[in-house]
C-alpha atoms as a PDB file:
ATOM      1  CA  MET A   1      13.948  33.141  33.494  1.00  0.00           C
ATOM      2  CA  LYS A   2      15.295  29.805  34.663  1.00  0.00           C
ATOM      3  CA  LYS A   3      11.757  28.517  35.189  1.00  0.00           C
ATOM      4  CA  PHE A   4      10.878  29.492  31.597  1.00  0.00           C
ATOM      5  CA  TYR A   5      13.759  27.371  30.254  1.00  0.00           C
ATOM      6  CA  TYR A   6      12.635  24.358  32.295  1.00  0.00           C
ATOM      7  CA  ILE A   7       9.100  24.658  30.959  1.00  0.00           C
ATOM      8  CA  LEU A   8      10.334  25.124  27.399  1.00  0.00           C
ATOM      9  CA  PHE A   9      12.682  22.144  27.709  1.00  0.00           C
ATOM     10  CA  THR A  10       9.842  20.008  29.114  1.00  0.00           C
ATOM     11  CA  PHE A  11       7.535  20.884  26.201  1.00  0.00           C
ATOM     12  CA  ILE A  12      10.244  20.187  23.636  1.00  0.00           C
ATOM     13  CA  LEU A  13      10.975  16.777  25.168  1.00  0.00           C
ATOM     14  CA  PHE A  14       7.263  16.024  25.358  1.00  0.00           C
ATOM     15  CA  PHE A  15       6.752  16.686  21.643  1.00  0.00           C
ATOM     16  CA  ILE A  16       9.873  14.765  20.664  1.00  0.00           C
ATOM     17  CA  PHE A  17       8.727  11.707  22.607  1.00  0.00           C
ATOM     18  CA  LEU A  18       5.174  12.084  21.364  1.00  0.00           C
ATOM     19  CA  PHE A  19       6.063  12.074  17.675  1.00  0.00           C
ATOM     20  CA  THR A  20       9.015   9.694  17.853  1.00  0.00           C
ATOM     21  CA  PHE A  21       7.628   6.795  19.825  1.00  0.00           C
ATOM     22  CA  SER A  22       3.955   6.912  18.859  1.00  0.00           C
ATOM     23  CA  THR A  23       4.414   4.668  15.822  1.00  0.00           C
ATOM     24  CA  TYR A  24       6.289   2.089  17.858  1.00  0.00           C
ATOM     25  CA  SER A  25       3.898   1.978  20.778  1.00  0.00           C
ATOM     26  CA  PHE A  26       0.630   1.999  18.853  1.00  0.00           C
ATOM     27  CA  GLY A  27       1.365  -0.537  16.097  1.00  0.00           C
ATOM     28  CA  ALA A  28       2.504   1.910  13.382  1.00  0.00           C
ATOM     29  CA  TYR A  29      -0.790   2.416  11.487  1.00  0.00           C
ATOM     30  CA  PRO A  30      -4.403   2.697  12.593  1.00  0.00           C
ATOM     31  CA  LYS A  31      -6.912   0.327  11.007  1.00  0.00           C
ATOM     32  CA  LEU A  32      -8.388   2.993   8.724  1.00  0.00           C
ATOM     33  CA  ILE A  33      -4.988   3.932   7.290  1.00  0.00           C
ATOM     34  CA  SER A  34      -4.172   0.266   6.641  1.00  0.00           C
ATOM     35  CA  LYS A  35      -7.460  -0.156   4.782  1.00  0.00           C
ATOM     36  CA  LEU A  36      -6.774   2.967   2.705  1.00  0.00           C
ATOM     37  CA  ILE A  37      -3.288   1.766   1.807  1.00  0.00           C
ATOM     38  CA  ASN A  38      -4.649  -1.632   0.739  1.00  0.00           C
ATOM     39  CA  ALA A  39      -7.422   0.036  -1.291  1.00  0.00           C
ATOM     40  CA  PHE A  40      -4.930   2.257  -3.145  1.00  0.00           C
ATOM     41  CA  ASP A  41      -2.743  -0.783  -3.883  1.00  0.00           C
ATOM     42  CA  GLN A  42      -5.729  -2.602  -5.369  1.00  0.00           C
ATOM     43  CA  ILE A  43      -6.737   0.431  -7.436  1.00  0.00           C
ATOM     44  CA  GLN A  44      -3.179   0.715  -8.745  1.00  0.00           C
ATOM     45  CA  SER A  45      -3.118  -2.952  -9.774  1.00  0.00           C
ATOM     46  CA  TYR A  46      -6.529  -2.605 -11.478  1.00  0.00           C
ATOM     47  CA  ILE A  47      -5.373   0.431 -13.463  1.00  0.00           C
ATOM     48  CA  VAL A  48      -2.280  -1.396 -14.729  1.00  0.00           C
ATOM     49  CA  ALA A  49      -4.362  -4.492 -15.534  1.00  0.00           C
ATOM     50  CA  ILE A  50      -6.901  -2.452 -17.528  1.00  0.00           C
ATOM     51  CA  ALA A  51      -4.275  -0.307 -19.273  1.00  0.00           C
ATOM     52  CA  THR A  52      -2.528  -3.252 -20.934  1.00  0.00           C
ATOM     53  CA  PRO A  53      -5.437  -4.522 -23.072  1.00  0.00           C
ATOM     54  CA  ALA A  54      -6.637  -0.961 -23.706  1.00  0.00           C
ATOM     55  CA  ALA A  55      -3.230  -0.019 -25.107  1.00  0.00           C
ATOM     56  CA  ALA A  56      -3.118  -3.183 -27.230  1.00  0.00           C
ATOM     57  CA  ILE A  57      -6.570  -2.491 -28.671  1.00  0.00           C
ATOM     58  CA  SER A  58      -5.795   1.139 -29.487  1.00  0.00           C
ATOM     59  CA  ILE A  59      -2.450   0.252 -31.102  1.00  0.00           C
ATOM     60  CA  GLY A  60      -4.170  -2.428 -33.160  1.00  0.00           C
ATOM     61  CA  ALA A  61      -6.906  -0.023 -34.190  1.00  0.00           C
ATOM     62  CA  GLY A  62      -4.303   2.551 -35.215  1.00  0.00           C
ATOM     63  CA  PHE A  63      -2.410   0.043 -37.348  1.00  0.00           C
ATOM     64  CA  LEU A  64      -5.634  -1.179 -38.966  1.00  0.00           C
ATOM     65  CA  MET A  65      -6.640   2.419 -39.647  1.00  0.00           C
ATOM     66  CA  GLN A  66      -3.317   2.969 -41.427  1.00  0.00           C
ATOM     67  CA  LYS A  67      -3.578  -0.315 -43.336  1.00  0.00           C
ATOM     68  CA  PHE A  68      -7.120   0.219 -44.567  1.00  0.00           C
ATOM     69  CA  SER A  69      -6.870   3.939 -45.293  1.00  0.00           C
ATOM     70  CA  PHE A  70      -6.738   3.339 -49.057  1.00  0.00           C
ATOM     71  CA  GLY A  71      -4.420   6.312 -49.575  1.00  0.00           C
ATOM     72  CA  ASP A  72      -6.366   8.838 -47.498  1.00  0.00           C
ATOM     73  CA  ASP A  73      -3.720  11.033 -45.854  1.00  0.00           C
ATOM     74  CA  GLU A  74      -5.990  12.120 -43.007  1.00  0.00           C
ATOM     75  CA  ARG A  75      -6.699   8.536 -41.919  1.00  0.00           C
ATOM     76  CA  ILE A  76      -2.998   7.640 -42.101  1.00  0.00           C
ATOM     77  CA  ARG A  77      -2.154  10.642 -39.907  1.00  0.00           C
ATOM     78  CA  THR A  78      -4.934   9.769 -37.470  1.00  0.00           C
ATOM     79  CA  GLY A  79      -3.733   6.157 -37.281  1.00  0.00           C
ATOM     80  CA  LYS A  80      -0.150   7.228 -36.605  1.00  0.00           C
ATOM     81  CA  LYS A  81      -1.295   9.683 -33.945  1.00  0.00           C
ATOM     82  CA  LEU A  82      -3.421   6.978 -32.303  1.00  0.00           C
ATOM     83  CA  VAL A  83      -0.514   4.534 -32.167  1.00  0.00           C
ATOM     84  CA  ARG A  84       1.916   7.148 -30.882  1.00  0.00           C
ATOM     85  CA  THR A  85      -0.364   8.496 -28.153  1.00  0.00           C
ATOM     86  CA  SER A  86      -1.379   5.046 -26.952  1.00  0.00           C
ATOM     87  CA  ILE A  87       2.271   3.985 -26.628  1.00  0.00           C
ATOM     88  CA  VAL A  88       3.128   7.189 -24.761  1.00  0.00           C
ATOM     89  CA  CYS A  89       0.142   6.836 -22.417  1.00  0.00           C
ATOM     90  CA  TYR A  90       0.910   3.187 -21.658  1.00  0.00           C
ATOM     91  CA  ALA A  91       4.561   4.040 -20.999  1.00  0.00           C
ATOM     92  CA  PHE A  92       3.421   6.843 -18.689  1.00  0.00           C
ATOM     93  CA  ILE A  93       1.198   4.452 -16.702  1.00  0.00           C
ATOM     94  CA  LEU A  94       4.030   1.920 -16.380  1.00  0.00           C
ATOM     95  CA  LEU A  95       6.439   4.676 -15.360  1.00  0.00           C
ATOM     96  CA  LEU A  96       4.041   5.868 -12.651  1.00  0.00           C
ATOM     97  CA  ASP A  97       3.728   2.304 -11.381  1.00  0.00           C
ATOM     98  CA  LEU A  98       7.514   2.027 -11.254  1.00  0.00           C
ATOM     99  CA  ILE A  99       7.891   5.351  -9.422  1.00  0.00           C
ATOM    100  CA  LEU A 100       5.193   4.481  -6.877  1.00  0.00           C
ATOM    101  CA  SER A 101       6.735   1.101  -6.136  1.00  0.00           C
ATOM    102  CA  ALA A 102      10.173   2.706  -5.736  1.00  0.00           C
ATOM    103  CA  ILE A 103       8.773   5.277  -3.318  1.00  0.00           C
ATOM    104  CA  GLU A 104       6.991   2.520  -1.412  1.00  0.00           C
ATOM    105  CA  THR A 105      10.213   0.542  -0.990  1.00  0.00           C
ATOM    106  CA  LEU A 106      12.050   3.653   0.163  1.00  0.00           C
ATOM    107  CA  VAL A 107       9.392   4.490   2.732  1.00  0.00           C
ATOM    108  CA  THR A 108       9.166   1.009   4.240  1.00  0.00           C
END
């Protein structure tokens, strides 16, 4: 029974040292993981850069649709819905960017 405890204790220590000190001794991230992290950062910046003019164009189109509806209730409703959904979608994209950057600062 005593031999079993020594073997169990040795395995537990082995796994603790394996998972605790591996990031310190091997430079934290492998090359592939670093490339993936950089690629996701670039994709995130591209999405935010594309979302800004897309939201501006859709809001402008919604306001122009309302302005030039000439009293048609359906076009006024469609214009209002377009403006509202584009503002909500752009706010959602900015909120996701904020959450991801907050998580990134907490992790590092």
